[in-house]
């Protein structure tokens, strides 16, 4: 028995397809024309995952600009070691869908926090 003077409301059926947030973000980034910069900064944020624990403990990706990823290292020894591993690191970066935007690695010494 319905004591209300109004008829019961019908629920609207929505036929919208739910999309993962990442897909929506990619579309927005692409529509704004900033996908290269966005993908470069994804490499910066994923640096430890990309290079592994050993290298990430002694280095940190700090900047991305126009195809160049800048990586801070604590001293000349690490700068030289990572320079010798440059091609292997680039292959790891390019293994990620967003990694193709990185064309060059630049190792710099003395960034705070290393």
PDB file of N, CA and C in Angstrom:
ATOM      1  N   UNK A   1       0.835  -1.169   0.000  1.00  0.00           N
ATOM      2  CA  UNK A   1       0.000   0.000   0.000  1.00  0.00           C
ATOM      3  C   UNK A   1       0.885   1.238   0.000  1.00  0.00           C
ATOM      4  N   UNK A   2       0.602   2.168  -0.897  1.00  0.00           N
ATOM      5  CA  UNK A   2       1.390   3.379  -1.047  1.00  0.00           C
ATOM      6  C   UNK A   2       0.629   4.538  -0.434  1.00  0.00           C
ATOM      7  N   UNK A   3       1.207   5.160   0.613  1.00  0.00           N
ATOM      8  CA  UNK A   3       0.551   6.267   1.302  1.00  0.00           C
ATOM      9  C   UNK A   3       0.868   7.609   0.669  1.00  0.00           C
ATOM     10  N   UNK A   4       1.756   7.613  -0.298  1.00  0.00           N
ATOM     11  CA  UNK A   4       2.140   8.847  -0.955  1.00  0.00           C
ATOM     12  C   UNK A   4       1.127   9.186  -2.034  1.00  0.00           C
ATOM     13  N   UNK A   5       0.932  10.472  -2.246  1.00  0.00           N
ATOM     14  CA  UNK A   5       0.006  10.905  -3.287  1.00  0.00           C
ATOM     15  C   UNK A   5       0.653  10.896  -4.664  1.00  0.00           C
ATOM     16  N   UNK A   6       1.984  10.715  -4.691  1.00  0.00           N
ATOM     17  CA  UNK A   6       2.697  10.702  -5.960  1.00  0.00           C
ATOM     18  C   UNK A   6       2.968   9.260  -6.380  1.00  0.00           C
ATOM     19  N   UNK A   7       2.942   9.049  -7.679  1.00  0.00           N
ATOM     20  CA  UNK A   7       3.260   7.693  -8.152  1.00  0.00           C
ATOM     21  C   UNK A   7       4.742   7.383  -7.908  1.00  0.00           C
ATOM     22  N   UNK A   8       5.088   6.123  -7.762  1.00  0.00           N
ATOM     23  CA  UNK A   8       6.507   5.780  -7.535  1.00  0.00           C
ATOM     24  C   UNK A   8       7.362   6.196  -8.725  1.00  0.00           C
ATOM     25  N   UNK A   9       8.588   6.642  -8.446  1.00  0.00           N
ATOM     26  CA  UNK A   9       9.500   7.070  -9.494  1.00  0.00           C
ATOM     27  C   UNK A   9      10.124   5.857 -10.164  1.00  0.00           C
ATOM     28  N   UNK A  10      10.310   6.010 -11.438  1.00  0.00           N
ATOM     29  CA  UNK A  10      11.024   4.972 -12.181  1.00  0.00           C
ATOM     30  C   UNK A  10      12.493   5.338 -12.241  1.00  0.00           C
ATOM     31  N   UNK A  11      13.308   4.368 -12.095  1.00  0.00           N
ATOM     32  CA  UNK A  11      14.740   4.616 -12.232  1.00  0.00           C
ATOM     33  C   UNK A  11      15.108   4.614 -13.695  1.00  0.00           C
ATOM     34  N   UNK A  12      15.959   5.553 -14.058  1.00  0.00           N
ATOM     35  CA  UNK A  12      16.422   5.625 -15.440  1.00  0.00           C
ATOM     36  C   UNK A  12      17.528   4.602 -15.658  1.00  0.00           C
ATOM     37  N   UNK A  13      17.446   3.952 -16.749  1.00  0.00           N
ATOM     38  CA  UNK A  13      18.491   2.988 -17.102  1.00  0.00           C
ATOM     39  C   UNK A  13      19.522   3.699 -17.967  1.00  0.00           C
ATOM     40  N   UNK A  14      20.753   3.699 -17.515  1.00  0.00           N
ATOM     41  CA  UNK A  14      21.826   4.315 -18.275  1.00  0.00           C
ATOM     42  C   UNK A  14      22.618   3.219 -18.969  1.00  0.00           C
ATOM     43  N   UNK A  15      22.856   3.438 -20.215  1.00  0.00           N
ATOM     44  CA  UNK A  15      23.622   2.472 -21.002  1.00  0.00           C
ATOM     45  C   UNK A  15      25.031   2.972 -21.251  1.00  0.00           C
ATOM     46  N   UNK A  16      25.590   3.682 -20.325  1.00  0.00           N
ATOM     47  CA  UNK A  16      26.944   4.196 -20.478  1.00  0.00           C
ATOM     48  C   UNK A  16      27.944   3.100 -20.182  1.00  0.00           C
ATOM     49  N   UNK A  17      29.000   3.126 -20.934  1.00  0.00           N
ATOM     50  CA  UNK A  17      30.067   2.172 -20.720  1.00  0.00           C
ATOM     51  C   UNK A  17      31.107   2.820 -19.817  1.00  0.00           C
ATOM     52  N   UNK A  18      31.440   2.138 -18.740  1.00  0.00           N
ATOM     53  CA  UNK A  18      32.453   2.668 -17.841  1.00  0.00           C
ATOM     54  C   UNK A  18      33.829   2.474 -18.458  1.00  0.00           C
ATOM     55  N   UNK A  19      34.655   3.497 -18.343  1.00  0.00           N
ATOM     56  CA  UNK A  19      36.018   3.438 -18.861  1.00  0.00           C
ATOM     57  C   UNK A  19      36.994   3.592 -17.710  1.00  0.00           C
ATOM     58  N   UNK A  20      38.145   2.917 -17.803  1.00  0.00           N
ATOM     59  CA  UNK A  20      39.164   3.150 -16.775  1.00  0.00           C
ATOM     60  C   UNK A  20      39.614   4.608 -16.813  1.00  0.00           C
ATOM     61  N   UNK A  21      39.937   5.150 -15.657  1.00  0.00           N
ATOM     62  CA  UNK A  21      40.349   6.550 -15.570  1.00  0.00           C
ATOM     63  C   UNK A  21      41.562   6.819 -16.444  1.00  0.00           C
ATOM     64  N   UNK A  22      42.493   5.874 -16.504  1.00  0.00           N
ATOM     65  CA  UNK A  22      43.693   6.061 -17.317  1.00  0.00           C
ATOM     66  C   UNK A  22      43.361   6.333 -18.770  1.00  0.00           C
ATOM     67  N   UNK A  23      42.372   5.652 -19.305  1.00  0.00           N
ATOM     68  CA  UNK A  23      41.966   5.872 -20.692  1.00  0.00           C
ATOM     69  C   UNK A  23      41.409   7.264 -20.907  1.00  0.00           C
ATOM     70  N   UNK A  24      40.654   7.745 -19.946  1.00  0.00           N
ATOM     71  CA  UNK A  24      40.092   9.092 -20.030  1.00  0.00           C
ATOM     72  C   UNK A  24      41.210  10.126 -19.953  1.00  0.00           C
ATOM     73  N   UNK A  25      42.153   9.912 -19.053  1.00  0.00           N
ATOM     74  CA  UNK A  25      43.277  10.851 -18.912  1.00  0.00           C
ATOM     75  C   UNK A  25      44.082  10.913 -20.203  1.00  0.00           C
ATOM     76  N   UNK A  26      44.343   9.749 -20.800  1.00  0.00           N
ATOM     77  CA  UNK A  26      45.080   9.720 -22.074  1.00  0.00           C
ATOM     78  C   UNK A  26      44.360  10.530 -23.146  1.00  0.00           C
ATOM     79  N   UNK A  27      43.043  10.402 -23.231  1.00  0.00           N
ATOM     80  CA  UNK A  27      42.272  11.147 -24.237  1.00  0.00           C
ATOM     81  C   UNK A  27      42.350  12.651 -23.994  1.00  0.00           C
ATOM     82  N   UNK A  28      42.242  13.060 -22.749  1.00  0.00           N
ATOM     83  CA  UNK A  28      42.306  14.485 -22.415  1.00  0.00           C
ATOM     84  C   UNK A  28      43.693  15.038 -22.730  1.00  0.00           C
ATOM     85  N   UNK A  29      44.730  14.302 -22.324  1.00  0.00           N
ATOM     86  CA  UNK A  29      46.110  14.731 -22.579  1.00  0.00           C
ATOM     87  C   UNK A  29      46.353  14.867 -24.073  1.00  0.00           C
ATOM     88  N   UNK A  30      45.887  13.900 -24.842  1.00  0.00           N
ATOM     89  CA  UNK A  30      46.060  13.949 -26.300  1.00  0.00           C
ATOM     90  C   UNK A  30      45.300  15.135 -26.896  1.00  0.00           C
ATOM     91  N   UNK A  31      44.072  15.367 -26.417  1.00  0.00           N
ATOM     92  CA  UNK A  31      43.282  16.478 -26.965  1.00  0.00           C
ATOM     93  C   UNK A  31      43.914  17.833 -26.648  1.00  0.00           C
ATOM     94  N   UNK A  32      44.664  17.916 -25.564  1.00  0.00           N
ATOM     95  CA  UNK A  32      45.341  19.164 -25.201  1.00  0.00           C
ATOM     96  C   UNK A  32      46.670  19.337 -25.929  1.00  0.00           C
ATOM     97  N   UNK A  33      47.131  18.286 -26.599  1.00  0.00           N
ATOM     98  CA  UNK A  33      48.383  18.366 -27.343  1.00  0.00           C
ATOM     99  C   UNK A  33      49.623  18.298 -26.474  1.00  0.00           C
ATOM    100  N   UNK A  34      49.501  17.682 -25.304  1.00  0.00           N
ATOM    101  CA  UNK A  34      50.642  17.624 -24.384  1.00  0.00           C
ATOM    102  C   UNK A  34      51.064  16.185 -24.082  1.00  0.00           C
ATOM    103  N   UNK A  35      50.743  15.271 -24.968  1.00  0.00           N
ATOM    104  CA  UNK A  35      51.019  13.866 -24.678  1.00  0.00           C
ATOM    105  C   UNK A  35      52.515  13.569 -24.561  1.00  0.00           C
ATOM    106  N   UNK A  36      53.364  14.217 -25.355  1.00  0.00           N
ATOM    107  CA  UNK A  36      54.808  13.965 -25.260  1.00  0.00           C
ATOM    108  C   UNK A  36      55.335  14.368 -23.883  1.00  0.00           C
ATOM    109  N   UNK A  37      54.969  15.535 -23.411  1.00  0.00           N
ATOM    110  CA  UNK A  37      55.418  15.978 -22.087  1.00  0.00           C
ATOM    111  C   UNK A  37      54.855  15.086 -20.993  1.00  0.00           C
ATOM    112  N   UNK A  38      53.585  14.753 -21.107  1.00  0.00           N
ATOM    113  CA  UNK A  38      52.942  13.883 -20.117  1.00  0.00           C
ATOM    114  C   UNK A  38      53.646  12.533 -20.059  1.00  0.00           C
ATOM    115  N   UNK A  39      53.926  11.948 -21.214  1.00  0.00           N
ATOM    116  CA  UNK A  39      54.597  10.650 -21.246  1.00  0.00           C
ATOM    117  C   UNK A  39      56.022  10.752 -20.692  1.00  0.00           C
ATOM    118  N   UNK A  40      56.696  11.842 -20.957  1.00  0.00           N
ATOM    119  CA  UNK A  40      58.031  12.050 -20.398  1.00  0.00           C
ATOM    120  C   UNK A  40      57.999  12.109 -18.877  1.00  0.00           C
ATOM    121  N   UNK A  41      56.994  12.777 -18.341  1.00  0.00           N
ATOM    122  CA  UNK A  41      56.888  12.860 -16.888  1.00  0.00           C
ATOM    123  C   UNK A  41      56.441  11.539 -16.289  1.00  0.00           C
ATOM    124  N   UNK A  42      55.766  10.705 -17.051  1.00  0.00           N
ATOM    125  CA  UNK A  42      55.471   9.349 -16.569  1.00  0.00           C
ATOM    126  C   UNK A  42      56.769   8.573 -16.379  1.00  0.00           C
ATOM    127  N   UNK A  43      57.719   8.753 -17.295  1.00  0.00           N
ATOM    128  CA  UNK A  43      59.021   8.095 -17.156  1.00  0.00           C
ATOM    129  C   UNK A  43      59.702   8.580 -15.875  1.00  0.00           C
ATOM    130  N   UNK A  44      59.654   9.880 -15.612  1.00  0.00           N
ATOM    131  CA  UNK A  44      60.254  10.426 -14.389  1.00  0.00           C
ATOM    132  C   UNK A  44      59.623   9.759 -13.165  1.00  0.00           C
ATOM    133  N   UNK A  45      58.310   9.675 -13.140  1.00  0.00           N
ATOM    134  CA  UNK A  45      57.636   9.126 -11.958  1.00  0.00           C
ATOM    135  C   UNK A  45      57.833   7.617 -11.817  1.00  0.00           C
ATOM    136  N   UNK A  46      58.068   6.912 -12.909  1.00  0.00           N
ATOM    137  CA  UNK A  46      58.232   5.455 -12.875  1.00  0.00           C
ATOM    138  C   UNK A  46      59.706   5.026 -12.878  1.00  0.00           C
ATOM    139  N   UNK A  47      60.629   5.956 -12.726  1.00  0.00           N
ATOM    140  CA  UNK A  47      62.057   5.659 -12.793  1.00  0.00           C
ATOM    141  C   UNK A  47      62.470   4.441 -11.953  1.00  0.00           C
ATOM    142  N   UNK A  48      62.110   4.375 -10.670  1.00  0.00           N
ATOM    143  CA  UNK A  48      62.537   3.216  -9.872  1.00  0.00           C
ATOM    144  C   UNK A  48      62.022   1.883 -10.441  1.00  0.00           C
ATOM    145  N   UNK A  49      60.812   1.875 -10.911  1.00  0.00           N
ATOM    146  CA  UNK A  49      60.234   0.667 -11.508  1.00  0.00           C
ATOM    147  C   UNK A  49      60.965   0.290 -12.800  1.00  0.00           C
ATOM    148  N   UNK A  50      61.315   1.276 -13.586  1.00  0.00           N
ATOM    149  CA  UNK A  50      61.952   1.038 -14.882  1.00  0.00           C
ATOM    150  C   UNK A  50      63.368   0.501 -14.720  1.00  0.00           C
ATOM    151  N   UNK A  51      64.183   1.141 -13.890  1.00  0.00           N
ATOM    152  CA  UNK A  51      65.596   0.777 -13.808  1.00  0.00           C
ATOM    153  C   UNK A  51      65.921  -0.262 -12.747  1.00  0.00           C
ATOM    154  N   UNK A  52      65.029  -0.489 -11.833  1.00  0.00           N
ATOM    155  CA  UNK A  52      65.273  -1.477 -10.793  1.00  0.00           C
ATOM    156  C   UNK A  52      65.850  -0.864  -9.531  1.00  0.00           C
ATOM    157  N   UNK A  53      65.860  -1.687  -8.512  1.00  0.00           N
ATOM    158  CA  UNK A  53      66.235  -1.251  -7.168  1.00  0.00           C
ATOM    159  C   UNK A  53      67.681  -0.745  -7.061  1.00  0.00           C
ATOM    160  N   UNK A  54      68.617  -1.462  -7.666  1.00  0.00           N
ATOM    161  CA  UNK A  54      70.036  -1.118  -7.539  1.00  0.00           C
ATOM    162  C   UNK A  54      70.333   0.278  -8.083  1.00  0.00           C
ATOM    163  N   UNK A  55      69.866   0.545  -9.298  1.00  0.00           N
ATOM    164  CA  UNK A  55      70.130   1.849  -9.922  1.00  0.00           C
ATOM    165  C   UNK A  55      69.291   2.937  -9.270  1.00  0.00           C
ATOM    166  N   UNK A  56      68.055   2.634  -8.948  1.00  0.00           N
ATOM    167  CA  UNK A  56      67.169   3.635  -8.341  1.00  0.00           C
ATOM    168  C   UNK A  56      67.668   4.077  -6.967  1.00  0.00           C
ATOM    169  N   UNK A  57      68.410   3.210  -6.270  1.00  0.00           N
ATOM    170  CA  UNK A  57      68.944   3.574  -4.954  1.00  0.00           C
ATOM    171  C   UNK A  57      70.008   4.666  -5.060  1.00  0.00           C
ATOM    172  N   UNK A  58      70.654   4.800  -6.225  1.00  0.00           N
ATOM    173  CA  UNK A  58      71.754   5.757  -6.389  1.00  0.00           C
ATOM    174  C   UNK A  58      71.488   6.790  -7.487  1.00  0.00           C
ATOM    175  N   UNK A  59      70.260   6.880  -7.974  1.00  0.00           N
ATOM    176  CA  UNK A  59      69.941   7.862  -9.015  1.00  0.00           C
ATOM    177  C   UNK A  59      68.473   8.246  -8.911  1.00  0.00           C
ATOM    178  N   UNK A  60      68.145   9.369  -9.535  1.00  0.00           N
ATOM    179  CA  UNK A  60      66.745   9.808  -9.546  1.00  0.00           C
ATOM    180  C   UNK A  60      66.490  10.609 -10.813  1.00  0.00           C
ATOM    181  N   UNK A  61      65.464  10.220 -11.553  1.00  0.00           N
ATOM    182  CA  UNK A  61      65.052  11.017 -12.713  1.00  0.00           C
ATOM    183  C   UNK A  61      64.419  12.293 -12.175  1.00  0.00           C
ATOM    184  N   UNK A  62      64.892  13.426 -12.666  1.00  0.00           N
ATOM    185  CA  UNK A  62      64.426  14.693 -12.085  1.00  0.00           C
ATOM    186  C   UNK A  62      63.710  15.605 -13.079  1.00  0.00           C
ATOM    187  N   UNK A  63      63.992  15.447 -14.370  1.00  0.00           N
ATOM    188  CA  UNK A  63      63.366  16.332 -15.363  1.00  0.00           C
ATOM    189  C   UNK A  63      63.209  15.618 -16.695  1.00  0.00           C
ATOM    190  N   UNK A  64      62.177  16.051 -17.430  1.00  0.00           N
ATOM    191  CA  UNK A  64      62.012  15.627 -18.815  1.00  0.00           C
ATOM    192  C   UNK A  64      61.726  16.875 -19.629  1.00  0.00           C
ATOM    193  N   UNK A  65      62.435  17.022 -20.735  1.00  0.00           N
ATOM    194  CA  UNK A  65      62.193  18.150 -21.614  1.00  0.00           C
ATOM    195  C   UNK A  65      62.624  17.789 -23.031  1.00  0.00           C
ATOM    196  N   UNK A  66      61.694  17.893 -23.953  1.00  0.00           N
ATOM    197  CA  UNK A  66      61.958  17.731 -25.384  1.00  0.00           C
ATOM    198  C   UNK A  66      62.807  16.505 -25.719  1.00  0.00           C
ATOM    199  N   UNK A  67      62.404  15.362 -25.200  1.00  0.00           N
ATOM    200  CA  UNK A  67      63.070  14.110 -25.531  1.00  0.00           C
ATOM    201  C   UNK A  67      64.235  13.733 -24.647  1.00  0.00           C
ATOM    202  N   UNK A  68      64.641  14.630 -23.739  1.00  0.00           N
ATOM    203  CA  UNK A  68      65.787  14.363 -22.873  1.00  0.00           C
ATOM    204  C   UNK A  68      65.329  14.143 -21.437  1.00  0.00           C
ATOM    205  N   UNK A  69      65.770  13.032 -20.872  1.00  0.00           N
ATOM    206  CA  UNK A  69      65.498  12.721 -19.473  1.00  0.00           C
ATOM    207  C   UNK A  69      66.757  13.038 -18.674  1.00  0.00           C
ATOM    208  N   UNK A  70      66.617  13.891 -17.680  1.00  0.00           N
ATOM    209  CA  UNK A  70      67.753  14.269 -16.843  1.00  0.00           C
ATOM    210  C   UNK A  70      67.701  13.431 -15.569  1.00  0.00           C
ATOM    211  N   UNK A  71      68.835  12.799 -15.258  1.00  0.00           N
ATOM    212  CA  UNK A  71      68.927  11.890 -14.124  1.00  0.00           C
ATOM    213  C   UNK A  71      70.035  12.362 -13.187  1.00  0.00           C
ATOM    214  N   UNK A  72      69.690  12.545 -11.917  1.00  0.00           N
ATOM    215  CA  UNK A  72      70.671  12.975 -10.915  1.00  0.00           C
ATOM    216  C   UNK A  72      71.378  11.756 -10.330  1.00  0.00           C
ATOM    217  N   UNK A  73      72.696  11.890 -10.171  1.00  0.00           N
ATOM    218  CA  UNK A  73      73.530  10.843  -9.579  1.00  0.00           C
ATOM    219  C   UNK A  73      74.405  11.490  -8.498  1.00  0.00           C
ATOM    220  N   UNK A  74      74.894  10.698  -7.528  1.00  0.00           N
ATOM    221  CA  UNK A  74      75.628  11.303  -6.414  1.00  0.00           C
ATOM    222  C   UNK A  74      77.063  11.724  -6.724  1.00  0.00           C
ATOM    223  N   UNK A  75      77.699  11.079  -7.709  1.00  0.00           N
ATOM    224  CA  UNK A  75      79.106  11.402  -7.957  1.00  0.00           C
ATOM    225  C   UNK A  75      79.516  10.979  -9.369  1.00  0.00           C
ATOM    226  N   UNK A  76      80.777  11.297  -9.704  1.00  0.00           N
ATOM    227  CA  UNK A  76      81.296  10.974 -11.040  1.00  0.00           C
ATOM    228  C   UNK A  76      81.332   9.480 -11.321  1.00  0.00           C
ATOM    229  N   UNK A  77      81.559   8.696 -10.299  1.00  0.00           N
ATOM    230  CA  UNK A  77      81.610   7.244 -10.475  1.00  0.00           C
ATOM    231  C   UNK A  77      80.283   6.712 -10.995  1.00  0.00           C
ATOM    232  N   UNK A  78      79.197   7.148 -10.359  1.00  0.00           N
ATOM    233  CA  UNK A  78      77.876   6.689 -10.797  1.00  0.00           C
ATOM    234  C   UNK A  78      77.506   7.286 -12.151  1.00  0.00           C
ATOM    235  N   UNK A  79      77.923   8.502 -12.397  1.00  0.00           N
ATOM    236  CA  UNK A  79      77.646   9.107 -13.699  1.00  0.00           C
ATOM    237  C   UNK A  79      78.325   8.305 -14.800  1.00  0.00           C
ATOM    238  N   UNK A  80      79.557   7.891 -14.577  1.00  0.00           N
ATOM    239  CA  UNK A  80      80.285   7.108 -15.573  1.00  0.00           C
ATOM    240  C   UNK A  80      79.651   5.718 -15.732  1.00  0.00           C
ATOM    241  N   UNK A  81      79.301   5.090 -14.610  1.00  0.00           N
ATOM    242  CA  UNK A  81      78.706   3.755 -14.688  1.00  0.00           C
ATOM    243  C   UNK A  81      77.384   3.772 -15.463  1.00  0.00           C
ATOM    244  N   UNK A  82      76.535   4.746 -15.146  1.00  0.00           N
ATOM    245  CA  UNK A  82      75.252   4.809 -15.844  1.00  0.00           C
ATOM    246  C   UNK A  82      75.426   5.230 -17.299  1.00  0.00           C
ATOM    247  N   UNK A  83      76.436   6.016 -17.582  1.00  0.00           N
ATOM    248  CA  UNK A  83      76.718   6.370 -18.978  1.00  0.00           C
ATOM    249  C   UNK A  83      77.065   5.129 -19.796  1.00  0.00           C
ATOM    250  N   UNK A  84      77.788   4.197 -19.172  1.00  0.00           N
ATOM    251  CA  UNK A  84      78.128   2.957 -19.872  1.00  0.00           C
ATOM    252  C   UNK A  84      76.900   2.048 -20.048  1.00  0.00           C
ATOM    253  N   UNK A  85      75.904   2.227 -19.204  1.00  0.00           N
ATOM    254  CA  UNK A  85      74.677   1.434 -19.286  1.00  0.00           C
ATOM    255  C   UNK A  85      73.554   2.165 -20.026  1.00  0.00           C
ATOM    256  N   UNK A  86      73.885   3.289 -20.637  1.00  0.00           N
ATOM    257  CA  UNK A  86      72.899   4.158 -21.288  1.00  0.00           C
ATOM    258  C   UNK A  86      71.966   3.398 -22.242  1.00  0.00           C
ATOM    259  N   UNK A  87      72.531   2.595 -23.136  1.00  0.00           N
ATOM    260  CA  UNK A  87      71.711   1.885 -24.132  1.00  0.00           C
ATOM    261  C   UNK A  87      70.761   0.883 -23.472  1.00  0.00           C
ATOM    262  N   UNK A  88      71.241   0.176 -22.469  1.00  0.00           N
ATOM    263  CA  UNK A  88      70.398  -0.794 -21.758  1.00  0.00           C
ATOM    264  C   UNK A  88      69.256  -0.078 -21.025  1.00  0.00           C
ATOM    265  N   UNK A  89      69.558   1.070 -20.428  1.00  0.00           N
ATOM    266  CA  UNK A  89      68.524   1.844 -19.726  1.00  0.00           C
ATOM    267  C   UNK A  89      67.491   2.368 -20.721  1.00  0.00           C
ATOM    268  N   UNK A  90      67.953   2.877 -21.862  1.00  0.00           N
ATOM    269  CA  UNK A  90      67.016   3.354 -22.887  1.00  0.00           C
ATOM    270  C   UNK A  90      66.117   2.217 -23.387  1.00  0.00           C
ATOM    271  N   UNK A  91      66.673   1.021 -23.545  1.00  0.00           N
ATOM    272  CA  UNK A  91      65.837  -0.125 -23.962  1.00  0.00           C
ATOM    273  C   UNK A  91      64.755  -0.417 -22.931  1.00  0.00           C
ATOM    274  N   UNK A  92      65.117  -0.339 -21.654  1.00  0.00           N
ATOM    275  CA  UNK A  92      64.124  -0.556 -20.593  1.00  0.00           C
ATOM    276  C   UNK A  92      63.035   0.507 -20.650  1.00  0.00           C
ATOM    277  N   UNK A  93      63.441   1.762 -20.830  1.00  0.00           N
ATOM    278  CA  UNK A  93      62.472   2.863 -20.916  1.00  0.00           C
ATOM    279  C   UNK A  93      61.555   2.657 -22.110  1.00  0.00           C
ATOM    280  N   UNK A  94      62.127   2.303 -23.257  1.00  0.00           N
ATOM    281  CA  UNK A  94      61.331   2.108 -24.471  1.00  0.00           C
ATOM    282  C   UNK A  94      60.427   0.884 -24.392  1.00  0.00           C
ATOM    283  N   UNK A  95      60.660   0.028 -23.407  1.00  0.00           N
ATOM    284  CA  UNK A  95      59.795  -1.130 -23.195  1.00  0.00           C
ATOM    285  C   UNK A  95      58.430  -0.761 -22.636  1.00  0.00           C
ATOM    286  N   UNK A  96      58.288   0.452 -22.165  1.00  0.00           N
ATOM    287  CA  UNK A  96      57.004   0.935 -21.652  1.00  0.00           C
ATOM    288  C   UNK A  96      56.288   1.689 -22.770  1.00  0.00           C
ATOM    289  N   UNK A  97      54.963   1.612 -22.832  1.00  0.00           N
ATOM    290  CA  UNK A  97      54.225   2.285 -23.920  1.00  0.00           C
ATOM    291  C   UNK A  97      54.501   3.785 -24.000  1.00  0.00           C
ATOM    292  N   UNK A  98      54.729   4.412 -22.871  1.00  0.00           N
ATOM    293  CA  UNK A  98      54.967   5.857 -22.845  1.00  0.00           C
ATOM    294  C   UNK A  98      56.441   6.216 -22.974  1.00  0.00           C
ATOM    295  N   UNK A  99      57.321   5.225 -22.968  1.00  0.00           N
ATOM    296  CA  UNK A  99      58.760   5.465 -22.933  1.00  0.00           C
ATOM    297  C   UNK A  99      59.401   5.908 -24.224  1.00  0.00           C
ATOM    298  N   UNK A 100      58.715   5.758 -25.342  1.00  0.00           N
ATOM    299  CA  UNK A 100      59.299   6.112 -26.646  1.00  0.00           C
ATOM    300  C   UNK A 100      59.598   7.596 -26.800  1.00  0.00           C
ATOM    301  N   UNK A 101      59.065   8.424 -25.909  1.00  0.00           N
ATOM    302  CA  UNK A 101      59.321   9.872 -26.020  1.00  0.00           C
ATOM    303  C   UNK A 101      60.730  10.245 -25.579  1.00  0.00           C
ATOM    304  N   UNK A 102      61.397   9.346 -24.839  1.00  0.00           N
ATOM    305  CA  UNK A 102      62.758   9.626 -24.357  1.00  0.00           C
ATOM    306  C   UNK A 102      63.760   9.199 -25.421  1.00  0.00           C
ATOM    307  N   UNK A 103      64.536  10.154 -25.909  1.00  0.00           N
ATOM    308  CA  UNK A 103      65.562   9.891 -26.923  1.00  0.00           C
ATOM    309  C   UNK A 103      66.970   9.957 -26.356  1.00  0.00           C
ATOM    310  N   UNK A 104      67.127  10.676 -25.247  1.00  0.00           N
ATOM    311  CA  UNK A 104      68.464  10.919 -24.704  1.00  0.00           C
ATOM    312  C   UNK A 104      68.406  10.906 -23.182  1.00  0.00           C
ATOM    313  N   UNK A 105      69.480  10.413 -22.567  1.00  0.00           N
ATOM    314  CA  UNK A 105      69.640  10.462 -21.117  1.00  0.00           C
ATOM    315  C   UNK A 105      70.788  11.404 -20.795  1.00  0.00           C
ATOM    316  N   UNK A 106      70.586  12.259 -19.821  1.00  0.00           N
ATOM    317  CA  UNK A 106      71.649  13.168 -19.381  1.00  0.00           C
ATOM    318  C   UNK A 106      71.829  12.942 -17.874  1.00  0.00           C
ATOM    319  N   UNK A 107      73.032  12.536 -17.499  1.00  0.00           N
ATOM    320  CA  UNK A 107      73.334  12.273 -16.092  1.00  0.00           C
ATOM    321  C   UNK A 107      74.036  13.479 -15.495  1.00  0.00           C
ATOM    322  N   UNK A 108      73.487  13.983 -14.386  1.00  0.00           N
ATOM    323  CA  UNK A 108      74.042  15.160 -13.723  1.00  0.00           C
ATOM    324  C   UNK A 108      74.397  14.801 -12.290  1.00  0.00           C
ATOM    325  N   UNK A 109      75.456  15.415 -11.803  1.00  0.00           N
ATOM    326  CA  UNK A 109      75.943  15.117 -10.460  1.00  0.00           C
ATOM    327  C   UNK A 109      75.440  16.123  -9.442  1.00  0.00           C
ATOM    328  N   UNK A 110      75.183  15.620  -8.234  1.00  0.00           N
ATOM    329  CA  UNK A 110      74.997  16.513  -7.097  1.00  0.00           C
ATOM    330  C   UNK A 110      73.593  16.971  -6.795  1.00  0.00           C
ATOM    331  N   UNK A 111      72.576  16.339  -7.308  1.00  0.00           N
ATOM    332  CA  UNK A 111      71.206  16.748  -6.964  1.00  0.00           C
ATOM    333  C   UNK A 111      70.957  16.410  -5.496  1.00  0.00           C
ATOM    334  N   UNK A 112      70.335  17.300  -4.774  1.00  0.00           N
ATOM    335  CA  UNK A 112      70.065  17.090  -3.359  1.00  0.00           C
ATOM    336  C   UNK A 112      69.202  15.837  -3.162  1.00  0.00           C
ATOM    337  N   UNK A 113      69.445  15.160  -2.066  1.00  0.00           N
ATOM    338  CA  UNK A 113      68.641  13.997  -1.716  1.00  0.00           C
ATOM    339  C   UNK A 113      69.197  12.688  -2.177  1.00  0.00           C
ATOM    340  N   UNK A 114      70.323  12.697  -2.862  1.00  0.00           N
ATOM    341  CA  UNK A 114      70.922  11.424  -3.299  1.00  0.00           C
ATOM    342  C   UNK A 114      71.999  10.983  -2.353  1.00  0.00           C
TER     343      UNK A 114
END
